[in-house]
Amino acid sequence: MNHYLKTSCIPLILLMFCTSFVVADDKKTKEQDKIKAKTSETLERLYNIQPMSKQAIKDSYGYAVFSNFGMKILLAGGGKGQGVAINNKTGKHTYMKMLEIQAGLGMGIKKFRVVFVFENKSVFNEFVNSGWEFGGQSTAAAKLDDTGASLSGAISISPGVWMYQLTDDGLALELTMKGTKYMKDDDLN
């Protein structure tokens, strides 16, 4: 009986082990597909609100699209989000996540979408490979310089990096970023 038990358990254990990898891979693919769908939806909405953004994104080295959710109750708050950075030159998708911490008096829930546009390889690679962190109470104002009208409605947040922020009401013209960190999502890459 002992020999029979050993020979019948080994294939069962191997089957369970292999099944767990298939389930994990299926979950990863479903999450990636969900992010891709939100990305397409966000870009379509942005293009409807700000038609010239389509050309700005097409002409860029790369871009990143995030869907974020945040909450603030009394003195503390935070948020999280997911997204993908897409290299226009190679087509490579890098799945990322976002975390936000807020301090200060207030209450509320916010849902918003963010689209980053990277003008060159250096700023794109820095964002994807090193992550990105915004601290303090930096507020960026919408402006245009010599980049042309295609970035109209975008906010310059650092040299070579522009951002569109979409809220339920449309395109935000001002952005306050407090303790926000963007980084690769190791579970989805």
N, C-alpha and C. Protein backbone atom coordinates (compact mmCIF):
# COMPACT_ATOMS: atom_id res chain seq x y z
N MET A 1 0.83 -1.20 0.00
CA MET A 1 0.00 0.00 0.00
C MET A 1 0.87 1.26 0.00
N ASN A 2 1.96 1.23 0.76
CA ASN A 2 2.86 2.37 0.84
C ASN A 2 3.44 2.71 -0.53
N HIS A 3 3.87 1.68 -1.29
CA HIS A 3 4.41 1.91 -2.62
C HIS A 3 3.33 2.49 -3.55
N TYR A 4 2.12 1.96 -3.46
CA TYR A 4 1.01 2.45 -4.28
C TYR A 4 0.72 3.92 -3.97
N LEU A 5 0.77 4.28 -2.70
CA LEU A 5 0.51 5.65 -2.27
C LEU A 5 1.57 6.60 -2.83
N LYS A 6 2.82 6.19 -2.77
CA LYS A 6 3.91 7.03 -3.29
C LYS A 6 3.80 7.23 -4.80
N THR A 7 3.52 6.18 -5.54
CA THR A 7 3.47 6.30 -7.00
C THR A 7 2.24 7.07 -7.47
N SER A 8 1.17 7.06 -6.70
CA SER A 8 -0.01 7.83 -7.12
C SER A 8 0.05 9.28 -6.65
N CYS A 9 0.79 9.56 -5.60
CA CYS A 9 0.89 10.93 -5.09
C CYS A 9 1.85 11.80 -5.89
N ILE A 10 2.91 11.21 -6.39
CA ILE A 10 3.91 11.99 -7.11
C ILE A 10 3.30 12.68 -8.34
N PRO A 11 2.56 11.97 -9.21
CA PRO A 11 1.96 12.68 -10.34
C PRO A 11 0.94 13.75 -9.90
N LEU A 12 0.22 13.46 -8.82
CA LEU A 12 -0.75 14.42 -8.32
C LEU A 12 -0.07 15.70 -7.83
N ILE A 13 1.04 15.54 -7.13
CA ILE A 13 1.80 16.69 -6.64
C ILE A 13 2.37 17.49 -7.82
N LEU A 14 2.91 16.80 -8.82
CA LEU A 14 3.43 17.48 -10.01
C LEU A 14 2.33 18.24 -10.74
N LEU A 15 1.15 17.64 -10.84
CA LEU A 15 0.02 18.30 -11.50
C LEU A 15 -0.39 19.56 -10.74
N MET A 16 -0.44 19.49 -9.43
CA MET A 16 -0.80 20.66 -8.61
C MET A 16 0.25 21.76 -8.77
N PHE A 17 1.53 21.38 -8.79
CA PHE A 17 2.62 22.34 -8.94
C PHE A 17 2.52 23.06 -10.29
N CYS A 18 2.31 22.31 -11.36
CA CYS A 18 2.21 22.91 -12.70
C CYS A 18 0.96 23.78 -12.82
N THR A 19 -0.14 23.35 -12.23
CA THR A 19 -1.39 24.12 -12.27
C THR A 19 -1.23 25.47 -11.59
N SER A 20 -0.47 25.52 -10.49
CA SER A 20 -0.29 26.79 -9.79
C SER A 20 0.44 27.81 -10.67
N PHE A 21 1.39 27.36 -11.50
CA PHE A 21 2.08 28.27 -12.42
C PHE A 21 1.12 28.77 -13.51
N VAL A 22 0.27 27.91 -14.02
CA VAL A 22 -0.69 28.30 -15.05
C VAL A 22 -1.68 29.32 -14.49
N VAL A 23 -2.17 29.09 -13.28
CA VAL A 23 -3.11 30.02 -12.65
C VAL A 23 -2.45 31.37 -12.41
N ALA A 24 -1.21 31.38 -11.92
CA ALA A 24 -0.49 32.64 -11.67
C ALA A 24 -0.26 33.39 -12.98
N ASP A 25 0.11 32.67 -14.05
CA ASP A 25 0.34 33.30 -15.34
C ASP A 25 -0.97 33.85 -15.91
N ASP A 26 -2.07 33.12 -15.72
CA ASP A 26 -3.38 33.57 -16.19
C ASP A 26 -3.81 34.84 -15.45
N LYS A 27 -3.56 34.90 -14.16
CA LYS A 27 -3.90 36.08 -13.36
C LYS A 27 -3.08 37.29 -13.84
N LYS A 28 -1.80 37.07 -14.11
CA LYS A 28 -0.91 38.13 -14.60
C LYS A 28 -1.41 38.67 -15.94
N THR A 29 -1.76 37.77 -16.86
CA THR A 29 -2.26 38.16 -18.18
C THR A 29 -3.56 38.94 -18.06
N LYS A 30 -4.47 38.51 -17.18
CA LYS A 30 -5.74 39.22 -16.99
C LYS A 30 -5.50 40.62 -16.45
N GLU A 31 -4.58 40.77 -15.52
CA GLU A 31 -4.27 42.09 -14.95
C GLU A 31 -3.64 42.99 -16.01
N GLN A 32 -2.74 42.44 -16.83
CA GLN A 32 -2.15 43.22 -17.92
C GLN A 32 -3.21 43.66 -18.91
N ASP A 33 -4.14 42.76 -19.24
CA ASP A 33 -5.22 43.10 -20.16
C ASP A 33 -6.11 44.20 -19.59
N LYS A 34 -6.36 44.15 -18.29
CA LYS A 34 -7.16 45.18 -17.64
C LYS A 34 -6.47 46.55 -17.75
N ILE A 35 -5.16 46.58 -17.54
CA ILE A 35 -4.39 47.82 -17.64
C ILE A 35 -4.40 48.32 -19.08
N LYS A 36 -4.23 47.43 -20.04
CA LYS A 36 -4.26 47.82 -21.46
C LYS A 36 -5.62 48.43 -21.82
N ALA A 37 -6.71 47.85 -21.32
CA ALA A 37 -8.05 48.38 -21.61
C ALA A 37 -8.22 49.77 -21.00
N LYS A 38 -7.76 49.96 -19.76
CA LYS A 38 -7.84 51.28 -19.13
C LYS A 38 -6.98 52.30 -19.87
N THR A 39 -5.83 51.85 -20.36
CA THR A 39 -4.94 52.72 -21.13
C THR A 39 -5.63 53.19 -22.40
N SER A 40 -6.22 52.27 -23.13
CA SER A 40 -6.93 52.64 -24.37
C SER A 40 -8.09 53.58 -24.08
N GLU A 41 -8.84 53.30 -23.03
CA GLU A 41 -9.97 54.15 -22.65
C GLU A 41 -9.49 55.56 -22.27
N THR A 42 -8.40 55.63 -21.51
CA THR A 42 -7.85 56.93 -21.10
C THR A 42 -7.37 57.73 -22.29
N LEU A 43 -6.64 57.08 -23.20
CA LEU A 43 -6.13 57.78 -24.38
C LEU A 43 -7.27 58.25 -25.28
N GLU A 44 -8.28 57.43 -25.45
CA GLU A 44 -9.43 57.83 -26.27
C GLU A 44 -10.11 59.06 -25.65
N ARG A 45 -10.26 59.05 -24.35
CA ARG A 45 -10.88 60.20 -23.66
C ARG A 45 -10.01 61.45 -23.80
N LEU A 46 -8.69 61.29 -23.62
CA LEU A 46 -7.78 62.42 -23.77
C LEU A 46 -7.84 62.99 -25.19
N TYR A 47 -7.83 62.11 -26.20
CA TYR A 47 -7.86 62.57 -27.58
C TYR A 47 -9.16 63.31 -27.89
N ASN A 48 -10.27 62.92 -27.25
CA ASN A 48 -11.53 63.63 -27.45
C ASN A 48 -11.51 65.01 -26.81
N ILE A 49 -10.89 65.11 -25.63
CA ILE A 49 -10.83 66.38 -24.91
C ILE A 49 -9.78 67.31 -25.50
N GLN A 50 -8.61 66.73 -25.83
CA GLN A 50 -7.47 67.50 -26.33
C GLN A 50 -6.94 66.81 -27.58
N PRO A 51 -7.55 67.02 -28.75
CA PRO A 51 -7.19 66.28 -29.96
C PRO A 51 -5.71 66.34 -30.33
N MET A 52 -5.03 67.45 -30.05
CA MET A 52 -3.61 67.57 -30.43
C MET A 52 -2.70 66.67 -29.58
N SER A 53 -3.22 66.15 -28.48
CA SER A 53 -2.41 65.26 -27.64
C SER A 53 -2.04 63.98 -28.38
N LYS A 54 -2.87 63.55 -29.31
CA LYS A 54 -2.59 62.32 -30.07
C LYS A 54 -1.27 62.45 -30.83
N GLN A 55 -1.06 63.59 -31.47
CA GLN A 55 0.19 63.82 -32.21
C GLN A 55 1.38 63.93 -31.26
N ALA A 56 1.17 64.59 -30.11
CA ALA A 56 2.25 64.73 -29.12
C ALA A 56 2.70 63.36 -28.63
N ILE A 57 1.76 62.48 -28.37
CA ILE A 57 2.10 61.13 -27.90
C ILE A 57 2.75 60.33 -29.01
N LYS A 58 2.23 60.44 -30.21
CA LYS A 58 2.80 59.71 -31.36
C LYS A 58 4.24 60.14 -31.63
N ASP A 59 4.54 61.44 -31.51
CA ASP A 59 5.87 61.96 -31.80
C ASP A 59 6.86 61.79 -30.65
N SER A 60 6.38 61.40 -29.47
CA SER A 60 7.25 61.30 -28.29
C SER A 60 8.13 60.05 -28.35
N TYR A 61 9.17 60.05 -27.50
CA TYR A 61 9.99 58.84 -27.37
C TYR A 61 9.17 57.72 -26.72
N GLY A 62 8.33 58.10 -25.74
CA GLY A 62 7.48 57.14 -25.06
C GLY A 62 6.47 57.87 -24.20
N TYR A 63 5.57 57.10 -23.63
CA TYR A 63 4.53 57.67 -22.78
C TYR A 63 4.12 56.65 -21.73
N ALA A 64 3.44 57.12 -20.71
CA ALA A 64 2.95 56.24 -19.64
C ALA A 64 1.54 56.69 -19.29
N VAL A 65 0.67 55.71 -19.02
CA VAL A 65 -0.72 55.99 -18.68
C VAL A 65 -1.04 55.28 -17.37
N PHE A 66 -1.59 56.04 -16.41
CA PHE A 66 -1.93 55.50 -15.10
C PHE A 66 -3.38 55.80 -14.75
N SER A 67 -3.99 54.86 -14.07
CA SER A 67 -5.31 55.03 -13.48
C SER A 67 -5.11 55.02 -11.97
N ASN A 68 -5.52 56.10 -11.30
CA ASN A 68 -5.23 56.28 -9.87
C ASN A 68 -6.50 56.46 -9.05
N PHE A 69 -6.42 56.03 -7.80
CA PHE A 69 -7.51 56.20 -6.85
C PHE A 69 -6.91 56.66 -5.53
N GLY A 70 -7.46 57.71 -4.95
CA GLY A 70 -6.95 58.22 -3.68
C GLY A 70 -8.07 58.57 -2.72
N MET A 71 -7.74 58.57 -1.43
CA MET A 71 -8.69 58.89 -0.40
C MET A 71 -8.00 59.66 0.71
N LYS A 72 -8.69 60.65 1.27
CA LYS A 72 -8.15 61.43 2.37
C LYS A 72 -9.22 61.57 3.44
N ILE A 73 -8.87 61.21 4.65
CA ILE A 73 -9.78 61.32 5.78
C ILE A 73 -9.06 62.05 6.90
N LEU A 74 -9.55 63.21 7.26
CA LEU A 74 -9.00 64.08 8.30
C LEU A 74 -7.55 64.43 8.03
N LEU A 75 -6.60 63.84 8.77
CA LEU A 75 -5.20 64.28 8.68
C LEU A 75 -4.33 63.46 7.73
N ALA A 76 -4.82 62.33 7.27
CA ALA A 76 -3.96 61.47 6.46
C ALA A 76 -4.73 60.95 5.25
N GLY A 77 -3.97 60.60 4.25
CA GLY A 77 -4.58 60.05 3.05
C GLY A 77 -3.55 59.37 2.19
N GLY A 78 -4.02 58.72 1.20
CA GLY A 78 -3.11 58.03 0.30
C GLY A 78 -3.84 57.56 -0.93
N GLY A 79 -3.10 56.99 -1.81
CA GLY A 79 -3.68 56.49 -3.04
C GLY A 79 -2.78 55.47 -3.69
N LYS A 80 -3.33 54.81 -4.67
CA LYS A 80 -2.54 53.84 -5.43
C LYS A 80 -3.08 53.77 -6.83
N GLY A 81 -2.28 53.24 -7.70
CA GLY A 81 -2.71 53.13 -9.08
C GLY A 81 -1.82 52.17 -9.86
N GLN A 82 -2.25 51.88 -11.06
CA GLN A 82 -1.51 51.00 -11.96
C GLN A 82 -1.44 51.65 -13.32
N GLY A 83 -0.46 51.24 -14.08
CA GLY A 83 -0.34 51.76 -15.42
C GLY A 83 0.72 51.04 -16.22
N VAL A 84 0.99 51.61 -17.37
CA VAL A 84 1.98 51.02 -18.26
C VAL A 84 2.75 52.14 -18.94
N ALA A 85 4.05 51.94 -19.07
CA ALA A 85 4.92 52.84 -19.83
C ALA A 85 5.22 52.16 -21.15
N ILE A 86 5.05 52.90 -22.25
CA ILE A 86 5.21 52.32 -23.58
C ILE A 86 6.29 53.08 -24.33
N ASN A 87 7.30 52.34 -24.75
CA ASN A 87 8.40 52.89 -25.54
C ASN A 87 7.95 52.92 -27.00
N ASN A 88 7.77 54.11 -27.56
CA ASN A 88 7.31 54.24 -28.95
C ASN A 88 8.33 53.73 -29.95
N LYS A 89 9.60 53.69 -29.59
CA LYS A 89 10.64 53.26 -30.53
C LYS A 89 10.71 51.73 -30.63
N THR A 90 10.50 51.03 -29.49
CA THR A 90 10.61 49.57 -29.48
C THR A 90 9.26 48.86 -29.34
N GLY A 91 8.25 49.59 -28.85
CA GLY A 91 6.94 48.98 -28.60
C GLY A 91 6.86 48.24 -27.29
N LYS A 92 7.94 48.26 -26.52
CA LYS A 92 7.96 47.51 -25.25
C LYS A 92 7.02 48.17 -24.23
N HIS A 93 6.25 47.31 -23.52
CA HIS A 93 5.37 47.73 -22.44
C HIS A 93 6.02 47.38 -21.10
N THR A 94 6.09 48.35 -20.20
CA THR A 94 6.59 48.10 -18.84
C THR A 94 5.45 48.45 -17.89
N TYR A 95 4.97 47.45 -17.17
CA TYR A 95 3.86 47.66 -16.24
C TYR A 95 4.40 48.27 -14.95
N MET A 96 3.65 49.25 -14.44
CA MET A 96 4.13 50.01 -13.29
C MET A 96 3.01 50.20 -12.28
N LYS A 97 3.39 50.69 -11.12
CA LYS A 97 2.40 51.01 -10.08
C LYS A 97 2.74 52.35 -9.47
N MET A 98 1.78 52.92 -8.79
CA MET A 98 1.93 54.24 -8.18
C MET A 98 1.41 54.17 -6.75
N LEU A 99 2.12 54.83 -5.85
CA LEU A 99 1.70 54.97 -4.46
C LEU A 99 1.78 56.44 -4.09
N GLU A 100 0.82 56.89 -3.26
CA GLU A 100 0.76 58.29 -2.86
C GLU A 100 0.46 58.39 -1.38
N ILE A 101 1.14 59.31 -0.71
CA ILE A 101 0.89 59.58 0.71
C ILE A 101 0.63 61.08 0.84
N GLN A 102 -0.43 61.43 1.59
CA GLN A 102 -0.78 62.83 1.80
C GLN A 102 -0.93 63.10 3.28
N ALA A 103 -0.55 64.28 3.68
CA ALA A 103 -0.77 64.73 5.05
C ALA A 103 -1.44 66.09 4.99
N GLY A 104 -2.18 66.40 6.01
CA GLY A 104 -2.89 67.69 6.05
C GLY A 104 -4.37 67.47 6.21
N LEU A 105 -5.04 68.48 6.63
CA LEU A 105 -6.46 68.40 6.91
C LEU A 105 -7.27 68.31 5.63
N GLY A 106 -8.25 67.41 5.61
CA GLY A 106 -9.13 67.31 4.46
C GLY A 106 -9.88 66.00 4.43
N MET A 107 -10.87 65.92 3.55
CA MET A 107 -11.64 64.70 3.35
C MET A 107 -11.99 64.61 1.87
N GLY A 108 -12.02 63.41 1.36
CA GLY A 108 -12.45 63.24 -0.01
C GLY A 108 -11.90 61.99 -0.66
N ILE A 109 -12.50 61.68 -1.79
CA ILE A 109 -12.08 60.55 -2.61
C ILE A 109 -11.86 61.09 -4.02
N LYS A 110 -10.78 60.67 -4.64
CA LYS A 110 -10.53 61.13 -6.00
C LYS A 110 -10.11 59.98 -6.89
N LYS A 111 -10.62 60.01 -8.10
CA LYS A 111 -10.22 59.09 -9.14
C LYS A 111 -9.74 59.94 -10.30
N PHE A 112 -8.58 59.61 -10.82
CA PHE A 112 -8.06 60.38 -11.94
C PHE A 112 -7.14 59.52 -12.78
N ARG A 113 -6.91 59.97 -13.99
CA ARG A 113 -6.01 59.30 -14.92
C ARG A 113 -4.89 60.26 -15.26
N VAL A 114 -3.70 59.73 -15.43
CA VAL A 114 -2.53 60.54 -15.74
C VAL A 114 -1.85 59.96 -16.98
N VAL A 115 -1.47 60.85 -17.89
CA VAL A 115 -0.71 60.46 -19.08
C VAL A 115 0.57 61.28 -19.09
N PHE A 116 1.71 60.60 -18.99
CA PHE A 116 3.02 61.24 -19.09
C PHE A 116 3.51 61.12 -20.53
N VAL A 117 4.12 62.18 -21.04
CA VAL A 117 4.71 62.17 -22.38
C VAL A 117 6.19 62.50 -22.21
N PHE A 118 7.05 61.61 -22.71
CA PHE A 118 8.50 61.75 -22.56
C PHE A 118 9.11 62.12 -23.91
N GLU A 119 9.81 63.23 -23.92
CA GLU A 119 10.38 63.74 -25.18
C GLU A 119 11.60 62.97 -25.65
N ASN A 120 12.34 62.35 -24.72
CA ASN A 120 13.58 61.69 -25.14
C ASN A 120 13.84 60.41 -24.35
N LYS A 121 14.80 59.65 -24.82
CA LYS A 121 15.16 58.36 -24.24
C LYS A 121 15.60 58.49 -22.78
N SER A 122 16.37 59.50 -22.49
CA SER A 122 16.93 59.67 -21.15
C SER A 122 15.84 59.80 -20.09
N VAL A 123 14.88 60.70 -20.30
CA VAL A 123 13.83 60.89 -19.29
C VAL A 123 12.89 59.70 -19.23
N PHE A 124 12.64 59.05 -20.37
CA PHE A 124 11.80 57.85 -20.38
C PHE A 124 12.45 56.73 -19.58
N ASN A 125 13.74 56.47 -19.87
CA ASN A 125 14.44 55.39 -19.17
C ASN A 125 14.58 55.66 -17.67
N GLU A 126 14.79 56.91 -17.32
CA GLU A 126 14.86 57.26 -15.89
C GLU A 126 13.54 56.94 -15.20
N PHE A 127 12.44 57.30 -15.81
CA PHE A 127 11.13 57.03 -15.24
C PHE A 127 10.90 55.53 -15.08
N VAL A 128 11.16 54.77 -16.13
CA VAL A 128 10.89 53.33 -16.13
C VAL A 128 11.85 52.57 -15.22
N ASN A 129 13.14 52.85 -15.32
CA ASN A 129 14.14 52.04 -14.62
C ASN A 129 14.44 52.47 -13.20
N SER A 130 14.32 53.76 -12.91
CA SER A 130 14.64 54.24 -11.57
C SER A 130 13.41 54.60 -10.76
N GLY A 131 12.27 54.57 -11.39
CA GLY A 131 11.07 55.04 -10.71
C GLY A 131 11.11 56.55 -10.64
N TRP A 132 10.11 57.11 -10.04
CA TRP A 132 10.01 58.56 -9.99
C TRP A 132 9.29 58.94 -8.74
N GLU A 133 9.72 60.01 -8.14
CA GLU A 133 9.11 60.42 -6.89
C GLU A 133 8.89 61.92 -6.89
N PHE A 134 7.68 62.31 -6.52
CA PHE A 134 7.35 63.71 -6.34
C PHE A 134 7.13 63.92 -4.85
N GLY A 135 7.77 64.92 -4.29
CA GLY A 135 7.61 65.16 -2.87
C GLY A 135 7.13 66.56 -2.59
N GLY A 136 6.80 66.79 -1.36
CA GLY A 136 6.39 68.12 -0.94
C GLY A 136 5.10 68.55 -1.60
N GLN A 137 4.98 69.82 -1.84
CA GLN A 137 3.77 70.38 -2.41
C GLN A 137 4.08 71.04 -3.74
N SER A 138 4.72 70.32 -4.62
CA SER A 138 5.08 70.92 -5.90
C SER A 138 3.83 71.04 -6.76
N THR A 139 3.59 72.22 -7.26
CA THR A 139 2.47 72.45 -8.14
C THR A 139 3.01 72.89 -9.48
N ALA A 140 2.60 72.22 -10.52
CA ALA A 140 3.05 72.56 -11.86
C ALA A 140 1.93 73.28 -12.58
N ALA A 141 2.26 74.33 -13.28
CA ALA A 141 1.25 75.09 -14.02
C ALA A 141 1.36 74.76 -15.50
N ALA A 142 0.25 74.77 -16.19
CA ALA A 142 0.24 74.48 -17.62
C ALA A 142 0.94 75.60 -18.36
N LYS A 143 1.81 75.23 -19.31
CA LYS A 143 2.51 76.23 -20.11
C LYS A 143 2.99 75.59 -21.40
N LEU A 144 3.31 76.38 -22.33
CA LEU A 144 3.88 75.93 -23.59
C LEU A 144 5.17 76.67 -23.84
N ASP A 145 6.18 75.95 -24.32
CA ASP A 145 7.40 76.65 -24.74
C ASP A 145 7.58 76.36 -26.23
N ASP A 146 8.78 76.08 -26.67
CA ASP A 146 9.03 75.88 -28.09
C ASP A 146 8.63 74.50 -28.61
N THR A 147 7.91 73.71 -27.80
CA THR A 147 7.54 72.36 -28.23
C THR A 147 6.36 72.36 -29.18
N GLY A 148 5.67 73.46 -29.31
CA GLY A 148 4.57 73.55 -30.26
C GLY A 148 3.22 73.31 -29.64
N ALA A 149 2.20 73.49 -30.43
CA ALA A 149 0.82 73.44 -29.96
C ALA A 149 0.35 72.03 -29.62
N SER A 150 1.04 70.98 -30.07
CA SER A 150 0.57 69.62 -29.82
C SER A 150 0.54 69.29 -28.34
N LEU A 151 1.30 69.99 -27.52
CA LEU A 151 1.30 69.75 -26.07
C LEU A 151 0.38 70.72 -25.33
N SER A 152 -0.46 71.41 -26.05
CA SER A 152 -1.43 72.30 -25.42
C SER A 152 -2.31 71.49 -24.47
N GLY A 153 -2.47 72.00 -23.26
CA GLY A 153 -3.25 71.29 -22.25
C GLY A 153 -2.41 70.40 -21.36
N ALA A 154 -1.16 70.21 -21.72
CA ALA A 154 -0.25 69.40 -20.90
C ALA A 154 0.46 70.29 -19.91
N ILE A 155 0.96 69.68 -18.85
CA ILE A 155 1.68 70.39 -17.81
C ILE A 155 3.13 69.95 -17.87
N SER A 156 4.06 70.89 -17.95
CA SER A 156 5.48 70.57 -17.93
C SER A 156 5.87 70.32 -16.48
N ILE A 157 6.29 69.09 -16.16
CA ILE A 157 6.63 68.79 -14.77
C ILE A 157 8.13 68.67 -14.54
N SER A 158 8.90 68.51 -15.60
CA SER A 158 10.36 68.56 -15.54
C SER A 158 10.86 68.64 -16.98
N PRO A 159 12.12 68.97 -17.19
CA PRO A 159 12.61 69.07 -18.57
C PRO A 159 12.39 67.76 -19.34
N GLY A 160 11.69 67.87 -20.44
CA GLY A 160 11.45 66.70 -21.30
C GLY A 160 10.27 65.84 -20.89
N VAL A 161 9.53 66.25 -19.85
CA VAL A 161 8.40 65.44 -19.38
C VAL A 161 7.17 66.33 -19.27
N TRP A 162 6.12 65.89 -19.93
CA TRP A 162 4.83 66.59 -19.91
C TRP A 162 3.78 65.65 -19.34
N MET A 163 2.73 66.23 -18.79
CA MET A 163 1.70 65.38 -18.21
C MET A 163 0.31 65.96 -18.46
N TYR A 164 -0.59 65.07 -18.79
CA TYR A 164 -2.02 65.38 -18.85
C TYR A 164 -2.67 64.68 -17.66
N GLN A 165 -3.52 65.37 -16.95
CA GLN A 165 -4.27 64.75 -15.86
C GLN A 165 -5.75 64.87 -16.18
N LEU A 166 -6.42 63.73 -16.22
CA LEU A 166 -7.84 63.69 -16.51
C LEU A 166 -8.62 63.41 -15.23
N THR A 167 -9.60 64.23 -14.97
CA THR A 167 -10.50 64.00 -13.85
C THR A 167 -11.88 63.69 -14.42
N ASP A 168 -12.85 63.46 -13.57
CA ASP A 168 -14.21 63.22 -14.05
C ASP A 168 -14.75 64.42 -14.81
N ASP A 169 -14.24 65.61 -14.50
CA ASP A 169 -14.71 66.84 -15.13
C ASP A 169 -13.97 67.18 -16.42
N GLY A 170 -12.92 66.46 -16.73
CA GLY A 170 -12.16 66.76 -17.95
C GLY A 170 -10.68 66.86 -17.68
N LEU A 171 -10.02 67.79 -18.35
CA LEU A 171 -8.58 67.96 -18.27
C LEU A 171 -8.23 68.94 -17.16
N ALA A 172 -7.36 68.55 -16.23
CA ALA A 172 -6.94 69.44 -15.16
C ALA A 172 -5.87 70.38 -15.67
N LEU A 173 -5.96 71.63 -15.32
CA LEU A 173 -4.98 72.62 -15.76
C LEU A 173 -3.94 72.92 -14.70
N GLU A 174 -4.09 72.34 -13.54
CA GLU A 174 -3.13 72.52 -12.46
C GLU A 174 -3.03 71.20 -11.72
N LEU A 175 -1.87 70.91 -11.19
CA LEU A 175 -1.66 69.64 -10.52
C LEU A 175 -0.86 69.85 -9.26
N THR A 176 -1.31 69.27 -8.18
CA THR A 176 -0.53 69.26 -6.95
C THR A 176 -0.15 67.81 -6.66
N MET A 177 1.13 67.54 -6.54
CA MET A 177 1.59 66.18 -6.30
C MET A 177 2.28 66.13 -4.95
N LYS A 178 1.83 65.23 -4.11
CA LYS A 178 2.35 65.14 -2.75
C LYS A 178 2.79 63.71 -2.45
N GLY A 179 4.03 63.49 -2.27
CA GLY A 179 4.52 62.17 -1.88
C GLY A 179 4.09 61.06 -2.82
N THR A 180 4.26 61.26 -4.12
CA THR A 180 3.83 60.27 -5.11
C THR A 180 5.06 59.55 -5.67
N LYS A 181 4.98 58.24 -5.72
CA LYS A 181 6.08 57.41 -6.20
C LYS A 181 5.58 56.50 -7.32
N TYR A 182 6.29 56.51 -8.45
CA TYR A 182 6.00 55.61 -9.57
C TYR A 182 7.14 54.61 -9.67
N MET A 183 6.80 53.33 -9.87
CA MET A 183 7.83 52.29 -9.93
C MET A 183 7.35 51.09 -10.75
N LYS A 184 8.29 50.27 -11.19
CA LYS A 184 7.96 49.05 -11.93
C LYS A 184 7.14 48.12 -11.03
N ASP A 185 6.22 47.40 -11.65
CA ASP A 185 5.42 46.39 -10.94
C ASP A 185 6.05 45.04 -11.26
N ASP A 186 6.85 44.52 -10.33
CA ASP A 186 7.57 43.27 -10.55
C ASP A 186 6.64 42.09 -10.78
N ASP A 187 5.42 42.16 -10.26
CA ASP A 187 4.47 41.06 -10.42
C ASP A 187 3.90 40.99 -11.84
N LEU A 188 3.93 42.09 -12.57
CA LEU A 188 3.32 42.11 -13.90
C LEU A 188 4.31 42.16 -15.04
N ASN A 189 5.60 42.32 -14.77
CA ASN A 189 6.60 42.35 -15.84
C ASN A 189 7.30 41.01 -15.98
